[in-house]
N, C-alpha and C. Protein backbone atom coordinates (compact mmCIF):
# COMPACT_ATOMS: atom_id res chain seq x y z
N MET A 1 3.12 5.58 -6.72
CA MET A 1 3.51 6.71 -5.81
C MET A 1 2.39 7.07 -5.09
N ALA A 2 2.36 7.59 -3.87
CA ALA A 2 1.48 8.00 -2.98
C ALA A 2 1.56 9.46 -2.60
N ILE A 3 0.85 10.17 -1.58
CA ILE A 3 0.98 11.38 -1.11
C ILE A 3 1.47 11.31 0.16
N GLU A 4 2.45 12.11 0.37
CA GLU A 4 3.30 12.23 1.52
C GLU A 4 2.58 13.04 2.43
N VAL A 5 2.26 12.88 3.86
CA VAL A 5 1.43 13.70 4.55
C VAL A 5 2.41 14.00 5.94
N ARG A 6 2.90 15.20 6.14
CA ARG A 6 3.69 15.33 7.23
C ARG A 6 2.74 15.58 8.36
N ILE A 7 3.09 15.10 9.62
CA ILE A 7 2.41 15.05 10.63
C ILE A 7 3.03 15.98 11.87
N PRO A 8 2.04 16.93 12.40
CA PRO A 8 2.77 17.52 13.40
C PRO A 8 2.87 16.73 14.63
N THR A 9 3.86 17.32 15.64
CA THR A 9 4.18 16.56 16.89
C THR A 9 2.79 16.23 17.70
N ILE A 10 1.82 17.09 17.76
CA ILE A 10 1.07 16.76 18.50
C ILE A 10 -0.04 15.66 17.89
N LEU A 11 -0.08 15.32 16.73
CA LEU A 11 -0.89 14.47 16.25
C LEU A 11 -0.20 13.14 15.87
N ARG A 12 1.34 13.00 16.71
CA ARG A 12 1.88 11.86 16.05
C ARG A 12 1.52 10.70 17.03
N SER A 13 0.80 10.78 17.85
CA SER A 13 0.32 9.71 18.89
C SER A 13 -0.37 9.06 18.08
N TYR A 14 -1.25 9.49 16.94
CA TYR A 14 -1.91 8.56 16.17
C TYR A 14 -1.30 7.83 15.21
N THR A 15 -0.30 8.14 14.62
CA THR A 15 0.70 7.59 13.65
C THR A 15 1.81 6.83 14.20
N GLY A 16 1.73 6.56 15.62
CA GLY A 16 2.83 5.68 16.18
C GLY A 16 4.15 6.56 16.02
N GLY A 17 4.10 7.91 16.05
CA GLY A 17 5.22 8.60 16.31
C GLY A 17 5.75 8.93 14.84
N GLU A 18 5.11 8.58 13.90
CA GLU A 18 5.92 8.90 12.45
C GLU A 18 5.66 10.61 12.22
N ARG A 19 6.65 10.97 11.66
CA ARG A 19 6.65 12.42 11.40
C ARG A 19 5.94 12.57 9.96
N ALA A 20 5.99 11.68 9.23
CA ALA A 20 5.10 11.60 7.92
C ALA A 20 4.68 10.32 7.58
N VAL A 21 3.70 10.45 6.93
CA VAL A 21 3.03 9.17 6.59
C VAL A 21 2.47 9.12 5.04
N GLU A 22 2.08 8.02 4.39
CA GLU A 22 1.82 8.07 3.23
C GLU A 22 0.22 7.74 3.15
N SER A 23 -0.41 8.55 2.31
CA SER A 23 -2.01 8.28 2.04
C SER A 23 -2.25 8.40 0.58
N SER A 24 -3.81 8.30 0.53
CA SER A 24 -4.07 8.44 -1.06
C SER A 24 -5.46 9.26 -1.04
N GLY A 25 -5.90 9.47 -2.21
CA GLY A 25 -7.25 10.06 -2.18
C GLY A 25 -7.05 11.22 -3.37
N SER A 26 -8.21 11.55 -4.20
CA SER A 26 -8.12 12.72 -5.02
C SER A 26 -8.42 14.12 -4.42
N THR A 27 -8.97 14.08 -3.51
CA THR A 27 -9.05 15.33 -2.60
C THR A 27 -8.43 15.41 -1.33
N VAL A 28 -8.41 16.46 -0.73
CA VAL A 28 -7.97 16.56 0.73
C VAL A 28 -9.01 15.74 1.62
N ALA A 29 -10.47 15.91 1.45
CA ALA A 29 -11.40 15.14 2.17
C ALA A 29 -11.19 13.64 1.99
N GLU A 30 -10.79 13.14 0.82
CA GLU A 30 -10.55 11.83 0.56
C GLU A 30 -9.41 11.30 1.31
N LEU A 31 -8.15 12.25 1.28
CA LEU A 31 -7.03 11.92 2.02
C LEU A 31 -7.30 11.69 3.40
N VAL A 32 -7.97 12.58 4.16
CA VAL A 32 -8.44 12.61 5.41
C VAL A 32 -9.26 11.36 5.91
N ASP A 33 -10.11 10.95 4.96
CA ASP A 33 -10.71 9.63 5.11
C ASP A 33 -9.92 8.58 5.25
N ALA A 34 -8.85 8.57 4.26
CA ALA A 34 -7.64 7.47 4.31
C ALA A 34 -6.99 7.56 5.49
N LEU A 35 -6.48 8.76 6.02
CA LEU A 35 -5.71 8.74 7.11
C LEU A 35 -6.54 8.06 8.31
N GLU A 36 -7.61 8.62 8.26
CA GLU A 36 -8.58 7.98 9.23
C GLU A 36 -8.68 6.45 9.44
N ALA A 37 -8.58 5.91 8.17
CA ALA A 37 -8.75 4.57 8.15
C ALA A 37 -7.45 3.82 8.85
N ALA A 38 -6.31 4.43 8.34
CA ALA A 38 -5.01 4.00 8.82
C ALA A 38 -4.73 4.44 10.27
N HIS A 39 -5.19 5.43 10.64
CA HIS A 39 -4.79 6.01 11.88
C HIS A 39 -6.08 6.79 12.70
N PRO A 40 -6.70 5.93 13.25
CA PRO A 40 -7.95 6.06 13.84
C PRO A 40 -7.85 7.31 14.94
N GLY A 41 -8.89 8.14 14.65
CA GLY A 41 -8.68 9.25 15.62
C GLY A 41 -8.28 10.53 15.21
N VAL A 42 -7.41 10.57 13.93
CA VAL A 42 -6.86 11.66 13.43
C VAL A 42 -8.04 12.53 12.72
N LYS A 43 -8.82 11.94 12.06
CA LYS A 43 -9.86 12.75 11.61
C LYS A 43 -10.52 13.88 12.40
N GLU A 44 -10.93 13.40 13.62
CA GLU A 44 -11.90 14.33 14.41
C GLU A 44 -10.76 15.38 14.94
N ARG A 45 -9.65 15.33 14.96
CA ARG A 45 -8.65 16.21 15.38
C ARG A 45 -8.21 17.46 14.11
N LEU A 46 -8.86 16.76 12.97
CA LEU A 46 -8.70 17.89 11.84
C LEU A 46 -9.97 18.57 11.19
N VAL A 47 -10.97 17.96 11.12
CA VAL A 47 -12.32 18.14 10.52
C VAL A 47 -13.34 18.23 11.56
N GLU A 48 -14.37 19.43 11.55
CA GLU A 48 -15.37 19.41 12.39
C GLU A 48 -16.52 20.29 11.59
N ASP A 49 -17.59 19.49 11.66
CA ASP A 49 -18.68 19.85 10.94
C ASP A 49 -18.46 20.00 9.38
N GLY A 50 -17.68 19.13 8.83
CA GLY A 50 -17.60 19.00 7.43
C GLY A 50 -16.42 20.08 6.90
N ALA A 51 -15.65 20.79 7.98
CA ALA A 51 -14.68 21.64 7.64
C ALA A 51 -13.69 21.68 8.29
N VAL A 52 -12.56 22.23 7.81
CA VAL A 52 -11.27 22.10 8.67
C VAL A 52 -11.28 22.75 9.95
N ARG A 53 -10.83 22.22 11.00
CA ARG A 53 -11.00 23.03 12.25
C ARG A 53 -10.44 24.29 12.14
N ARG A 54 -10.83 25.40 12.81
CA ARG A 54 -10.47 26.67 12.78
C ARG A 54 -8.84 26.81 13.12
N PHE A 55 -8.43 26.11 13.95
CA PHE A 55 -6.95 26.26 14.51
C PHE A 55 -6.19 25.13 13.86
N VAL A 56 -6.52 24.52 12.50
CA VAL A 56 -5.81 23.67 11.87
C VAL A 56 -5.58 24.05 10.73
N ASN A 57 -4.33 24.17 10.00
CA ASN A 57 -3.76 24.60 8.90
C ASN A 57 -3.23 23.49 7.78
N ILE A 58 -4.02 23.33 6.65
CA ILE A 58 -3.60 22.31 5.82
C ILE A 58 -2.97 22.76 4.52
N TYR A 59 -1.87 22.37 4.11
CA TYR A 59 -1.29 22.85 3.01
C TYR A 59 -0.84 21.72 2.28
N VAL A 60 -1.27 21.90 0.72
CA VAL A 60 -0.78 21.00 -0.48
C VAL A 60 0.14 21.87 -1.20
N ASN A 61 1.55 21.01 -1.29
CA ASN A 61 2.36 21.71 -1.95
C ASN A 61 2.57 23.27 -1.61
N ASP A 62 2.59 23.49 -0.36
CA ASP A 62 2.76 25.05 0.13
C ASP A 62 1.72 26.02 -0.11
N GLU A 63 0.71 25.38 -0.49
CA GLU A 63 -0.49 26.30 -0.76
C GLU A 63 -1.61 25.76 0.13
N ASP A 64 -1.90 27.03 0.96
CA ASP A 64 -3.06 26.92 2.07
C ASP A 64 -4.34 26.41 1.38
N ILE A 65 -5.02 25.24 1.88
CA ILE A 65 -6.24 24.97 1.19
C ILE A 65 -7.38 25.69 1.66
N ARG A 66 -7.34 26.69 2.39
CA ARG A 66 -8.43 27.67 2.71
C ARG A 66 -8.70 28.54 1.42
N PHE A 67 -7.62 28.48 0.53
CA PHE A 67 -7.77 29.31 -0.62
C PHE A 67 -7.83 28.60 -1.83
N THR A 68 -7.66 27.51 -1.87
CA THR A 68 -7.69 26.51 -3.03
C THR A 68 -8.76 25.68 -3.07
N GLY A 69 -10.07 25.85 -2.24
CA GLY A 69 -10.99 24.86 -2.49
C GLY A 69 -11.33 23.98 -1.12
N ALA A 70 -10.67 24.24 -0.04
CA ALA A 70 -10.77 23.70 1.27
C ALA A 70 -10.82 22.14 1.05
N LEU A 71 -11.54 21.28 1.69
CA LEU A 71 -11.33 19.95 1.68
C LEU A 71 -11.66 19.16 0.30
N GLU A 72 -12.13 20.21 -0.63
CA GLU A 72 -12.22 19.62 -2.09
C GLU A 72 -11.03 20.01 -2.92
N THR A 73 -10.24 20.47 -2.30
CA THR A 73 -8.84 20.65 -3.03
C THR A 73 -8.30 19.33 -3.68
N ALA A 74 -7.84 19.44 -4.92
CA ALA A 74 -7.41 18.28 -5.33
C ALA A 74 -5.87 18.03 -4.90
N VAL A 75 -5.75 16.36 -4.96
CA VAL A 75 -4.34 16.03 -4.42
C VAL A 75 -4.17 15.01 -5.56
N ALA A 76 -2.64 14.67 -5.69
CA ALA A 76 -2.17 13.63 -6.73
C ALA A 76 -1.16 12.92 -6.04
N ASP A 77 -0.73 12.00 -6.76
CA ASP A 77 0.34 11.07 -6.56
C ASP A 77 1.63 11.88 -6.48
N GLY A 78 2.31 12.01 -5.60
CA GLY A 78 3.62 13.00 -5.55
C GLY A 78 3.42 14.23 -4.76
N ASP A 79 2.36 14.48 -4.52
CA ASP A 79 2.22 15.74 -3.64
C ASP A 79 2.54 15.52 -2.22
N THR A 80 2.70 16.58 -1.66
CA THR A 80 3.07 16.96 -0.24
C THR A 80 2.03 17.65 0.52
N VAL A 81 1.47 17.01 1.54
CA VAL A 81 0.51 17.60 2.32
C VAL A 81 0.90 17.84 3.81
N VAL A 82 0.75 19.09 4.14
CA VAL A 82 1.33 19.70 5.62
C VAL A 82 0.22 19.90 6.58
N ILE A 83 0.37 19.26 7.60
CA ILE A 83 -0.71 19.67 8.52
C ILE A 83 -0.16 20.26 9.58
N LEU A 84 -0.49 21.76 10.03
CA LEU A 84 0.04 22.44 10.91
C LEU A 84 -0.91 22.98 11.77
N PRO A 85 -0.91 22.78 13.30
CA PRO A 85 -1.75 23.37 14.11
C PRO A 85 -1.41 24.82 14.12
N ALA A 86 -2.31 25.59 14.23
CA ALA A 86 -2.30 27.11 14.19
C ALA A 86 -1.36 27.62 15.48
N VAL A 87 -0.63 28.64 15.66
CA VAL A 87 0.07 29.02 16.58
C VAL A 87 -0.47 30.28 17.22
N ALA A 88 -0.75 30.40 18.51
CA ALA A 88 -1.33 31.78 18.79
C ALA A 88 -0.58 32.19 20.18
N GLY A 89 -0.57 33.42 20.73
CA GLY A 89 0.11 33.60 21.93
C GLY A 89 0.92 34.99 21.46
N GLY A 90 1.60 35.21 22.60
CA GLY A 90 2.42 36.40 22.49
C GLY A 90 1.90 37.64 23.11
N GLN A 91 2.30 38.82 23.03
CA GLN A 91 1.76 40.07 23.57
C GLN A 91 1.69 41.11 22.35
């Protein structure tokens, strides 16, 4: 088994249009590195200065990694990781 990573529309140009890809790793950091190896350019859109970019949200099994260890959050086979760009605007 692998880890399913759901890709937002804005990043699908890096994954050949795929809505979800499989990846691996024992932490989110390792998963992002594996994503970068398979889909060059995606890491710089997710990580800056060793941390998740301010306007990117990453969830492991519906848990926001900002509250579970950030990039050191553990992941395992069968987990689902969702990448969401933060939404802003309105009045």
